[in-house]
C-alpha cells in the first residue's frame, strides 16, 4: 500500500480549527479511495528550527518529521495564504527540505526522486496560483514529481471573513479538483515505485 504524509503548514496550533486541516483531510480521504494510507501533521505543533540541515540540534524536531517524509510515497503540502504568500511555516519546511538535494539513494539518485508531491492552498485573498507555482518549483527542485493537476485550492472573497471550514458544503469545483489530484497522484506514485527514475551514470 502507498503511504501519504500531509504537512499542514497552518499557523494555528492544535486543536484550533483550521480550514487547511479540513481540505487536507479531504485530500487524504480521496487518496484513501486509491488504497493510499495517510497521516496529517500540523508542523506548527513541532519545534522546527530555521536552517537547511537535516538536524539543526538544540531540540530541533524536524528530524522526526523528516523520517516520516522519507517513509512516505506522497507528500501533501498544505498552506494557508497570508499577505498573498505561503505561510512562514511552509517556507521553513521548504528550507529544511533543501537538505535533501545533497542526499542520494544507493543508486545515486536524489533521495526524494521516487516520491510524488501535491499541494493544497487556502485563503481569503489572492495568491493561490502564485503559491502553487512556487511550491511546484521548490518541491520539484528537491526531487519530487508533480502529477498532472496535482494542486487544489480555495480562495474566499477578498477582504471578507468566510473561511473554507465555514462553508455549508464543499464546492463542486474543489471536490472535483481533489478527486483528480488523488487519482493522478496515486497513479504516478505507483508508476514510480514500479519503474524508478534511471540512476545517474557512474563516474
Foldseek 3Di string as FASTA:
>chain_A
DAEEEEEAAELDDPPDDDLQVVLVVLLQVLLVVVVYHYDYDHCNNAQADAAQACDPDPRHPSVVVVVVVLVGQEYEYEAEADPLEGDPSSVRVLSNLNNQLPDADPLAHRSQQLHAYAYEYEYQDDRPVVHRVVVCVSCVVSHHDYFDLRYAYDYHHHPDDDGNVNDPDDDPVRSVSSNVNSVRRSVSSVVCVVPPDHRDDDD
